[in-house]
Amino acid sequence: GMPCVDDFQGQSISNTAWSFASLRCLDSPLFEALAAVFVRLSTAADAPFSCQDLSNTAWAFAVLAVLHPPLLNAVPTEAAAQMAECSAQDLSNLAWACGCLRFLEEPLLDAIAFAAVPMAEKFSCQNLTNTLWAKLSLVSCFHHGISCRVLWPGEIG
């Protein structure tokens, strides 16, 4: 077991997941433990997640193609509470993770788009490309029957 993971807060979860994903190293028991702690913490009234914690965690799970339904279902709620604090990179990572995991969470994508407008000049070419790709790939899958599986919130788990 990994007893210390149970004591992690948002940044510890995010940093650990990001580190493993950056190395393209999947440790399934570790990611399961990280996701379990993330989900447990997300139910707290004062969940300890910054927007960067959320976006980096979502990004890491997407990079390693880890589909963890309870974590995916918790991210939009947590992100909505943090949207005003998100950077262009955070917004881009959240959108990209949804696109990679084929998680069509339209309220989250709409909130990302809304938050992005006032900071459009802060988006790098890569941020902009990743964000647009995520939205367009999900919409194309849904509206044009392109062969991909789109997941809807509540449908997974």
N, C-alpha and C. Protein backbone atom coordinates (compact mmCIF):
# COMPACT_ATOMS: atom_id res chain seq x y z
N GLY A 1 0.82 -1.20 0.00
CA GLY A 1 0.00 0.00 0.00
C GLY A 1 0.85 1.25 0.00
N MET A 2 0.18 2.36 -0.13
CA MET A 2 0.83 3.66 -0.14
C MET A 2 0.18 4.54 0.91
N PRO A 3 0.52 4.32 2.18
CA PRO A 3 -0.18 5.04 3.23
C PRO A 3 -0.03 6.56 3.17
N CYS A 4 1.09 7.06 2.69
CA CYS A 4 1.28 8.51 2.69
C CYS A 4 0.39 9.20 1.66
N VAL A 5 -0.01 8.53 0.61
CA VAL A 5 -0.88 9.14 -0.40
C VAL A 5 -2.21 9.57 0.22
N ASP A 6 -2.67 8.85 1.21
CA ASP A 6 -3.92 9.20 1.87
C ASP A 6 -3.86 10.57 2.53
N ASP A 7 -2.66 11.05 2.83
CA ASP A 7 -2.49 12.36 3.46
C ASP A 7 -2.28 13.48 2.46
N PHE A 8 -2.25 13.16 1.16
CA PHE A 8 -2.00 14.18 0.14
C PHE A 8 -3.12 15.20 0.08
N GLN A 9 -2.76 16.42 -0.29
CA GLN A 9 -3.71 17.48 -0.60
C GLN A 9 -3.64 17.72 -2.11
N GLY A 10 -4.38 18.71 -2.57
CA GLY A 10 -4.48 18.96 -4.02
C GLY A 10 -3.16 19.08 -4.74
N GLN A 11 -2.25 19.89 -4.21
CA GLN A 11 -0.97 20.10 -4.89
C GLN A 11 -0.12 18.84 -4.90
N SER A 12 -0.16 18.06 -3.84
CA SER A 12 0.62 16.81 -3.80
C SER A 12 0.10 15.81 -4.83
N ILE A 13 -1.21 15.72 -4.95
CA ILE A 13 -1.81 14.84 -5.96
C ILE A 13 -1.37 15.29 -7.34
N SER A 14 -1.54 16.57 -7.59
CA SER A 14 -1.22 17.15 -8.89
C SER A 14 0.26 16.97 -9.24
N ASN A 15 1.13 17.31 -8.32
CA ASN A 15 2.57 17.21 -8.59
C ASN A 15 3.01 15.78 -8.86
N THR A 16 2.47 14.85 -8.10
CA THR A 16 2.84 13.44 -8.29
C THR A 16 2.34 12.92 -9.63
N ALA A 17 1.07 13.18 -9.92
CA ALA A 17 0.51 12.73 -11.21
C ALA A 17 1.25 13.37 -12.37
N TRP A 18 1.51 14.68 -12.27
CA TRP A 18 2.21 15.40 -13.34
C TRP A 18 3.61 14.82 -13.55
N SER A 19 4.32 14.53 -12.47
CA SER A 19 5.68 14.00 -12.58
C SER A 19 5.70 12.66 -13.32
N PHE A 20 4.81 11.78 -12.95
CA PHE A 20 4.76 10.47 -13.61
C PHE A 20 4.34 10.62 -15.07
N ALA A 21 3.36 11.48 -15.34
CA ALA A 21 2.90 11.67 -16.72
C ALA A 21 3.99 12.31 -17.57
N SER A 22 4.74 13.24 -17.01
CA SER A 22 5.83 13.88 -17.76
C SER A 22 6.88 12.87 -18.19
N LEU A 23 7.04 11.83 -17.38
CA LEU A 23 7.98 10.75 -17.69
C LEU A 23 7.32 9.63 -18.50
N ARG A 24 6.02 9.78 -18.76
CA ARG A 24 5.22 8.77 -19.47
C ARG A 24 5.32 7.42 -18.75
N CYS A 25 5.23 7.50 -17.44
CA CYS A 25 5.36 6.33 -16.58
C CYS A 25 4.04 6.11 -15.84
N LEU A 26 3.35 5.05 -16.18
CA LEU A 26 2.08 4.75 -15.52
C LEU A 26 2.30 3.71 -14.43
N ASP A 27 1.98 4.10 -13.22
CA ASP A 27 1.96 3.20 -12.08
C ASP A 27 0.48 3.11 -11.69
N SER A 28 -0.19 2.10 -12.17
CA SER A 28 -1.65 2.01 -11.98
C SER A 28 -2.09 2.05 -10.52
N PRO A 29 -1.44 1.29 -9.61
CA PRO A 29 -1.87 1.40 -8.21
C PRO A 29 -1.70 2.81 -7.64
N LEU A 30 -0.63 3.48 -8.03
CA LEU A 30 -0.43 4.85 -7.56
C LEU A 30 -1.52 5.77 -8.10
N PHE A 31 -1.82 5.68 -9.38
CA PHE A 31 -2.85 6.55 -9.97
C PHE A 31 -4.23 6.25 -9.40
N GLU A 32 -4.49 4.99 -9.09
CA GLU A 32 -5.76 4.64 -8.44
C GLU A 32 -5.83 5.29 -7.06
N ALA A 33 -4.72 5.24 -6.33
CA ALA A 33 -4.68 5.85 -4.99
C ALA A 33 -4.81 7.37 -5.08
N LEU A 34 -4.12 7.98 -6.04
CA LEU A 34 -4.23 9.43 -6.23
C LEU A 34 -5.67 9.83 -6.56
N ALA A 35 -6.29 9.07 -7.44
CA ALA A 35 -7.68 9.37 -7.83
C ALA A 35 -8.63 9.21 -6.65
N ALA A 36 -8.42 8.19 -5.86
CA ALA A 36 -9.30 7.97 -4.70
C ALA A 36 -9.20 9.13 -3.72
N VAL A 37 -7.99 9.61 -3.46
CA VAL A 37 -7.81 10.74 -2.55
C VAL A 37 -8.41 12.01 -3.16
N PHE A 38 -8.20 12.21 -4.46
CA PHE A 38 -8.78 13.37 -5.16
C PHE A 38 -10.30 13.39 -5.01
N VAL A 39 -10.92 12.25 -5.27
CA VAL A 39 -12.38 12.17 -5.17
C VAL A 39 -12.84 12.41 -3.74
N ARG A 40 -12.14 11.83 -2.77
CA ARG A 40 -12.51 12.03 -1.36
C ARG A 40 -12.41 13.51 -0.99
N LEU A 41 -11.32 14.15 -1.38
CA LEU A 41 -11.13 15.56 -1.06
C LEU A 41 -12.14 16.46 -1.79
N SER A 42 -12.55 16.04 -2.98
CA SER A 42 -13.47 16.87 -3.77
C SER A 42 -14.85 16.98 -3.13
N THR A 43 -15.16 16.06 -2.23
CA THR A 43 -16.47 16.12 -1.57
C THR A 43 -16.47 17.05 -0.37
N ALA A 44 -15.30 17.52 0.03
CA ALA A 44 -15.22 18.44 1.18
C ALA A 44 -15.69 19.83 0.77
N ALA A 45 -16.31 20.53 1.71
CA ALA A 45 -16.81 21.88 1.43
C ALA A 45 -15.66 22.82 1.05
N ASP A 46 -14.51 22.61 1.63
CA ASP A 46 -13.35 23.46 1.35
C ASP A 46 -12.28 22.64 0.63
N ALA A 47 -12.66 22.05 -0.49
CA ALA A 47 -11.74 21.20 -1.24
C ALA A 47 -10.44 21.95 -1.54
N PRO A 48 -9.30 21.29 -1.30
CA PRO A 48 -8.00 21.97 -1.36
C PRO A 48 -7.36 22.00 -2.75
N PHE A 49 -8.12 22.38 -3.77
CA PHE A 49 -7.59 22.37 -5.12
C PHE A 49 -7.50 23.77 -5.71
N SER A 50 -6.35 24.09 -6.27
CA SER A 50 -6.24 25.30 -7.07
C SER A 50 -6.60 24.91 -8.51
N CYS A 51 -6.79 25.88 -9.35
CA CYS A 51 -7.07 25.56 -10.75
C CYS A 51 -5.90 24.80 -11.37
N GLN A 52 -4.68 25.19 -10.99
CA GLN A 52 -3.51 24.49 -11.51
C GLN A 52 -3.49 23.03 -11.04
N ASP A 53 -3.88 22.79 -9.80
CA ASP A 53 -3.96 21.41 -9.30
C ASP A 53 -4.92 20.59 -10.16
N LEU A 54 -6.08 21.17 -10.43
CA LEU A 54 -7.10 20.47 -11.21
C LEU A 54 -6.64 20.22 -12.63
N SER A 55 -6.12 21.26 -13.26
CA SER A 55 -5.73 21.11 -14.67
C SER A 55 -4.55 20.17 -14.83
N ASN A 56 -3.58 20.24 -13.94
CA ASN A 56 -2.43 19.35 -14.05
C ASN A 56 -2.81 17.90 -13.75
N THR A 57 -3.71 17.70 -12.82
CA THR A 57 -4.17 16.34 -12.53
C THR A 57 -4.93 15.78 -13.73
N ALA A 58 -5.85 16.56 -14.27
CA ALA A 58 -6.61 16.11 -15.45
C ALA A 58 -5.66 15.84 -16.61
N TRP A 59 -4.69 16.73 -16.82
CA TRP A 59 -3.71 16.57 -17.90
C TRP A 59 -2.94 15.26 -17.72
N ALA A 60 -2.48 15.00 -16.50
CA ALA A 60 -1.67 13.80 -16.25
C ALA A 60 -2.47 12.53 -16.53
N PHE A 61 -3.71 12.49 -16.08
CA PHE A 61 -4.53 11.31 -16.33
C PHE A 61 -4.77 11.14 -17.82
N ALA A 62 -4.94 12.23 -18.54
CA ALA A 62 -5.16 12.16 -19.99
C ALA A 62 -3.91 11.71 -20.73
N VAL A 63 -2.75 12.25 -20.35
CA VAL A 63 -1.50 11.87 -21.00
C VAL A 63 -1.28 10.36 -20.91
N LEU A 64 -1.60 9.80 -19.76
CA LEU A 64 -1.39 8.36 -19.55
C LEU A 64 -2.63 7.53 -19.89
N ALA A 65 -3.66 8.20 -20.44
CA ALA A 65 -4.89 7.53 -20.85
C ALA A 65 -5.53 6.75 -19.71
N VAL A 66 -5.53 7.35 -18.52
CA VAL A 66 -6.15 6.74 -17.35
C VAL A 66 -7.57 7.28 -17.26
N LEU A 67 -8.52 6.43 -17.53
CA LEU A 67 -9.92 6.81 -17.46
C LEU A 67 -10.45 6.41 -16.08
N HIS A 68 -10.59 7.40 -15.22
CA HIS A 68 -11.07 7.15 -13.86
C HIS A 68 -12.38 7.92 -13.69
N PRO A 69 -13.53 7.25 -13.89
CA PRO A 69 -14.82 7.95 -13.91
C PRO A 69 -15.11 8.83 -12.69
N PRO A 70 -14.90 8.38 -11.46
CA PRO A 70 -15.20 9.28 -10.33
C PRO A 70 -14.36 10.55 -10.35
N LEU A 71 -13.09 10.44 -10.73
CA LEU A 71 -12.24 11.62 -10.82
C LEU A 71 -12.76 12.53 -11.93
N LEU A 72 -13.06 11.96 -13.09
CA LEU A 72 -13.57 12.78 -14.20
C LEU A 72 -14.86 13.50 -13.82
N ASN A 73 -15.71 12.83 -13.09
CA ASN A 73 -16.97 13.46 -12.69
C ASN A 73 -16.76 14.55 -11.63
N ALA A 74 -15.68 14.47 -10.87
CA ALA A 74 -15.41 15.47 -9.82
C ALA A 74 -14.73 16.72 -10.38
N VAL A 75 -13.96 16.59 -11.44
CA VAL A 75 -13.19 17.72 -11.96
C VAL A 75 -14.06 18.91 -12.37
N PRO A 76 -15.16 18.72 -13.13
CA PRO A 76 -15.93 19.90 -13.54
C PRO A 76 -16.49 20.72 -12.39
N THR A 77 -16.96 20.06 -11.36
CA THR A 77 -17.51 20.78 -10.21
C THR A 77 -16.43 21.60 -9.52
N GLU A 78 -15.29 20.97 -9.31
CA GLU A 78 -14.17 21.68 -8.67
C GLU A 78 -13.67 22.82 -9.56
N ALA A 79 -13.57 22.57 -10.86
CA ALA A 79 -13.05 23.59 -11.78
C ALA A 79 -13.99 24.79 -11.85
N ALA A 80 -15.28 24.54 -11.80
CA ALA A 80 -16.25 25.66 -11.87
C ALA A 80 -16.02 26.63 -10.72
N ALA A 81 -15.68 26.11 -9.56
CA ALA A 81 -15.45 26.96 -8.39
C ALA A 81 -14.14 27.75 -8.51
N GLN A 82 -13.24 27.29 -9.35
CA GLN A 82 -11.91 27.90 -9.48
C GLN A 82 -11.70 28.67 -10.78
N MET A 83 -12.68 28.67 -11.67
CA MET A 83 -12.50 29.17 -13.03
C MET A 83 -11.89 30.57 -13.09
N ALA A 84 -12.28 31.45 -12.20
CA ALA A 84 -11.77 32.83 -12.22
C ALA A 84 -10.28 32.89 -11.92
N GLU A 85 -9.74 31.86 -11.28
CA GLU A 85 -8.32 31.84 -10.92
C GLU A 85 -7.45 31.14 -11.96
N CYS A 86 -8.06 30.59 -12.99
CA CYS A 86 -7.32 29.80 -13.97
C CYS A 86 -6.46 30.66 -14.89
N SER A 87 -5.30 30.14 -15.21
CA SER A 87 -4.42 30.77 -16.21
C SER A 87 -4.80 30.21 -17.59
N ALA A 88 -4.23 30.79 -18.62
CA ALA A 88 -4.45 30.26 -19.98
C ALA A 88 -3.98 28.81 -20.06
N GLN A 89 -2.86 28.50 -19.43
CA GLN A 89 -2.35 27.13 -19.44
C GLN A 89 -3.30 26.18 -18.72
N ASP A 90 -3.84 26.61 -17.59
CA ASP A 90 -4.80 25.78 -16.85
C ASP A 90 -6.02 25.47 -17.71
N LEU A 91 -6.58 26.51 -18.35
CA LEU A 91 -7.76 26.33 -19.18
C LEU A 91 -7.47 25.39 -20.35
N SER A 92 -6.33 25.59 -20.96
CA SER A 92 -5.93 24.74 -22.08
C SER A 92 -5.76 23.29 -21.65
N ASN A 93 -5.10 23.07 -20.51
CA ASN A 93 -4.91 21.71 -20.01
C ASN A 93 -6.23 21.02 -19.70
N LEU A 94 -7.16 21.74 -19.09
CA LEU A 94 -8.47 21.16 -18.79
C LEU A 94 -9.20 20.76 -20.06
N ALA A 95 -9.22 21.66 -21.03
CA ALA A 95 -9.91 21.36 -22.30
C ALA A 95 -9.23 20.18 -23.00
N TRP A 96 -7.91 20.21 -23.05
CA TRP A 96 -7.18 19.15 -23.74
C TRP A 96 -7.42 17.79 -23.09
N ALA A 97 -7.45 17.76 -21.76
CA ALA A 97 -7.71 16.50 -21.05
C ALA A 97 -9.09 15.96 -21.41
N CYS A 98 -10.10 16.84 -21.44
CA CYS A 98 -11.45 16.40 -21.85
C CYS A 98 -11.42 15.83 -23.25
N GLY A 99 -10.72 16.51 -24.16
CA GLY A 99 -10.64 16.03 -25.54
C GLY A 99 -9.95 14.68 -25.65
N CYS A 100 -8.83 14.53 -24.96
CA CYS A 100 -8.08 13.27 -25.02
C CYS A 100 -8.87 12.10 -24.46
N LEU A 101 -9.58 12.35 -23.38
CA LEU A 101 -10.33 11.27 -22.74
C LEU A 101 -11.74 11.12 -23.31
N ARG A 102 -12.06 11.96 -24.32
CA ARG A 102 -13.38 11.94 -24.97
C ARG A 102 -14.49 12.14 -23.93
N PHE A 103 -14.24 13.08 -23.03
CA PHE A 103 -15.19 13.39 -21.96
C PHE A 103 -15.91 14.68 -22.34
N LEU A 104 -17.12 14.53 -22.85
CA LEU A 104 -17.88 15.69 -23.33
C LEU A 104 -18.63 16.31 -22.16
N GLU A 105 -17.99 17.29 -21.56
CA GLU A 105 -18.57 18.00 -20.42
C GLU A 105 -18.81 19.43 -20.90
N GLU A 106 -19.95 19.63 -21.60
CA GLU A 106 -20.21 20.91 -22.25
C GLU A 106 -20.23 22.10 -21.30
N PRO A 107 -20.83 22.00 -20.10
CA PRO A 107 -20.76 23.16 -19.20
C PRO A 107 -19.32 23.55 -18.85
N LEU A 108 -18.45 22.57 -18.67
CA LEU A 108 -17.05 22.87 -18.38
C LEU A 108 -16.39 23.52 -19.59
N LEU A 109 -16.61 22.96 -20.78
CA LEU A 109 -16.00 23.54 -21.97
C LEU A 109 -16.53 24.95 -22.23
N ASP A 110 -17.81 25.17 -21.97
CA ASP A 110 -18.38 26.51 -22.12
C ASP A 110 -17.76 27.48 -21.10
N ALA A 111 -17.57 27.00 -19.87
CA ALA A 111 -16.96 27.84 -18.83
C ALA A 111 -15.52 28.16 -19.18
N ILE A 112 -14.80 27.20 -19.76
CA ILE A 112 -13.43 27.44 -20.21
C ILE A 112 -13.42 28.51 -21.29
N ALA A 113 -14.32 28.39 -22.26
CA ALA A 113 -14.39 29.38 -23.35
C ALA A 113 -14.72 30.76 -22.79
N PHE A 114 -15.66 30.83 -21.87
CA PHE A 114 -16.06 32.11 -21.27
C PHE A 114 -14.89 32.74 -20.51
N ALA A 115 -14.17 31.92 -19.74
CA ALA A 115 -13.03 32.43 -18.97
C ALA A 115 -11.87 32.81 -19.88
N ALA A 116 -11.77 32.19 -21.04
CA ALA A 116 -10.65 32.44 -21.95
C ALA A 116 -10.76 33.78 -22.67
N VAL A 117 -11.98 34.24 -22.91
CA VAL A 117 -12.17 35.45 -23.72
C VAL A 117 -11.41 36.65 -23.16
N PRO A 118 -11.56 37.01 -21.88
CA PRO A 118 -10.84 38.19 -21.39
C PRO A 118 -9.32 38.04 -21.36
N MET A 119 -8.83 36.81 -21.42
CA MET A 119 -7.38 36.61 -21.37
C MET A 119 -6.84 36.03 -22.68
N ALA A 120 -7.58 36.24 -23.76
CA ALA A 120 -7.20 35.65 -25.04
C ALA A 120 -5.75 35.97 -25.43
N GLU A 121 -5.31 37.18 -25.14
CA GLU A 121 -3.94 37.56 -25.52
C GLU A 121 -2.89 36.81 -24.72
N LYS A 122 -3.29 36.16 -23.64
CA LYS A 122 -2.34 35.40 -22.82
C LYS A 122 -2.18 33.96 -23.31
N PHE A 123 -3.03 33.54 -24.24
CA PHE A 123 -2.94 32.18 -24.76
C PHE A 123 -1.78 32.09 -25.75
N SER A 124 -0.89 31.15 -25.52
CA SER A 124 0.17 30.88 -26.50
C SER A 124 -0.48 30.16 -27.68
N CYS A 125 0.26 30.04 -28.74
CA CYS A 125 -0.26 29.30 -29.90
C CYS A 125 -0.63 27.88 -29.49
N GLN A 126 0.22 27.26 -28.65
CA GLN A 126 -0.05 25.89 -28.20
C GLN A 126 -1.30 25.83 -27.33
N ASN A 127 -1.47 26.78 -26.42
CA ASN A 127 -2.68 26.82 -25.59
C ASN A 127 -3.92 26.92 -26.46
N LEU A 128 -3.89 27.83 -27.41
CA LEU A 128 -5.03 28.05 -28.28
C LEU A 128 -5.33 26.82 -29.12
N THR A 129 -4.31 26.25 -29.70
CA THR A 129 -4.48 25.05 -30.52
C THR A 129 -5.06 23.89 -29.71
N ASN A 130 -4.51 23.65 -28.53
CA ASN A 130 -5.01 22.55 -27.68
C ASN A 130 -6.46 22.76 -27.28
N THR A 131 -6.81 23.99 -26.94
CA THR A 131 -8.18 24.29 -26.51
C THR A 131 -9.16 24.11 -27.66
N LEU A 132 -8.82 24.66 -28.80
CA LEU A 132 -9.69 24.53 -29.97
C LEU A 132 -9.81 23.08 -30.41
N TRP A 133 -8.68 22.36 -30.42
CA TRP A 133 -8.71 20.95 -30.81
C TRP A 133 -9.66 20.16 -29.92
N ALA A 134 -9.59 20.40 -28.61
CA ALA A 134 -10.43 19.66 -27.67
C ALA A 134 -11.90 19.89 -27.98
N LYS A 135 -12.29 21.14 -28.11
CA LYS A 135 -13.70 21.46 -28.35
C LYS A 135 -14.14 20.89 -29.70
N LEU A 136 -13.37 21.13 -30.73
CA LEU A 136 -13.77 20.67 -32.06
C LEU A 136 -13.77 19.16 -32.18
N SER A 137 -12.82 18.50 -31.56
CA SER A 137 -12.79 17.03 -31.66
C SER A 137 -14.00 16.42 -30.96
N LEU A 138 -14.38 16.97 -29.82
CA LEU A 138 -15.54 16.45 -29.11
C LEU A 138 -16.83 16.75 -29.86
N VAL A 139 -16.97 17.96 -30.36
CA VAL A 139 -18.17 18.32 -31.10
C VAL A 139 -18.27 17.50 -32.38
N SER A 140 -17.14 17.31 -33.07
CA SER A 140 -17.14 16.52 -34.31
C SER A 140 -17.54 15.08 -34.04
N CYS A 141 -17.01 14.52 -32.97
CA CYS A 141 -17.36 13.14 -32.62
C CYS A 141 -18.86 13.01 -32.41
N PHE A 142 -19.41 13.96 -31.68
CA PHE A 142 -20.82 13.87 -31.34
C PHE A 142 -21.72 14.16 -32.53
N HIS A 143 -21.45 15.23 -33.24
CA HIS A 143 -22.37 15.67 -34.29
C HIS A 143 -22.19 14.95 -35.62
N HIS A 144 -21.02 14.40 -35.87
CA HIS A 144 -20.78 13.79 -37.17
C HIS A 144 -20.57 12.29 -37.10
N GLY A 145 -20.75 11.70 -35.95
CA GLY A 145 -20.65 10.25 -35.83
C GLY A 145 -19.26 9.71 -36.13
N ILE A 146 -18.24 10.53 -35.98
CA ILE A 146 -16.88 10.05 -36.19
C ILE A 146 -16.62 8.93 -35.19
N SER A 147 -15.87 7.94 -35.60
CA SER A 147 -15.73 6.77 -34.74
C SER A 147 -14.87 7.06 -33.51
N CYS A 148 -15.51 7.53 -32.51
CA CYS A 148 -14.89 7.67 -31.20
C CYS A 148 -15.99 7.57 -30.18
N ARG A 149 -15.64 7.20 -29.02
CA ARG A 149 -16.61 7.07 -27.93
C ARG A 149 -16.58 8.34 -27.12
N VAL A 150 -17.70 9.03 -27.06
CA VAL A 150 -17.80 10.23 -26.25
C VAL A 150 -18.47 9.85 -24.94
N LEU A 151 -17.86 10.28 -23.85
CA LEU A 151 -18.40 10.00 -22.52
C LEU A 151 -19.16 11.21 -22.02
N TRP A 152 -20.30 10.97 -21.43
CA TRP A 152 -21.12 12.04 -20.88
C TRP A 152 -21.03 11.98 -19.36
N PRO A 153 -21.04 13.13 -18.69
CA PRO A 153 -21.01 13.10 -17.23
C PRO A 153 -22.18 12.28 -16.70
N GLY A 154 -21.94 11.52 -15.68
CA GLY A 154 -22.99 10.68 -15.10
C GLY A 154 -23.16 9.35 -15.82
N GLU A 155 -22.72 9.27 -17.08
CA GLU A 155 -22.84 8.03 -17.84
C GLU A 155 -21.74 7.06 -17.44
N ILE A 156 -20.64 7.61 -16.95
CA ILE A 156 -19.49 6.77 -16.60
C ILE A 156 -19.51 6.53 -15.09
N GLY A 157 -18.96 5.45 -14.70
CA GLY A 157 -18.81 5.23 -13.27
C GLY A 157 -19.50 4.03 -12.74
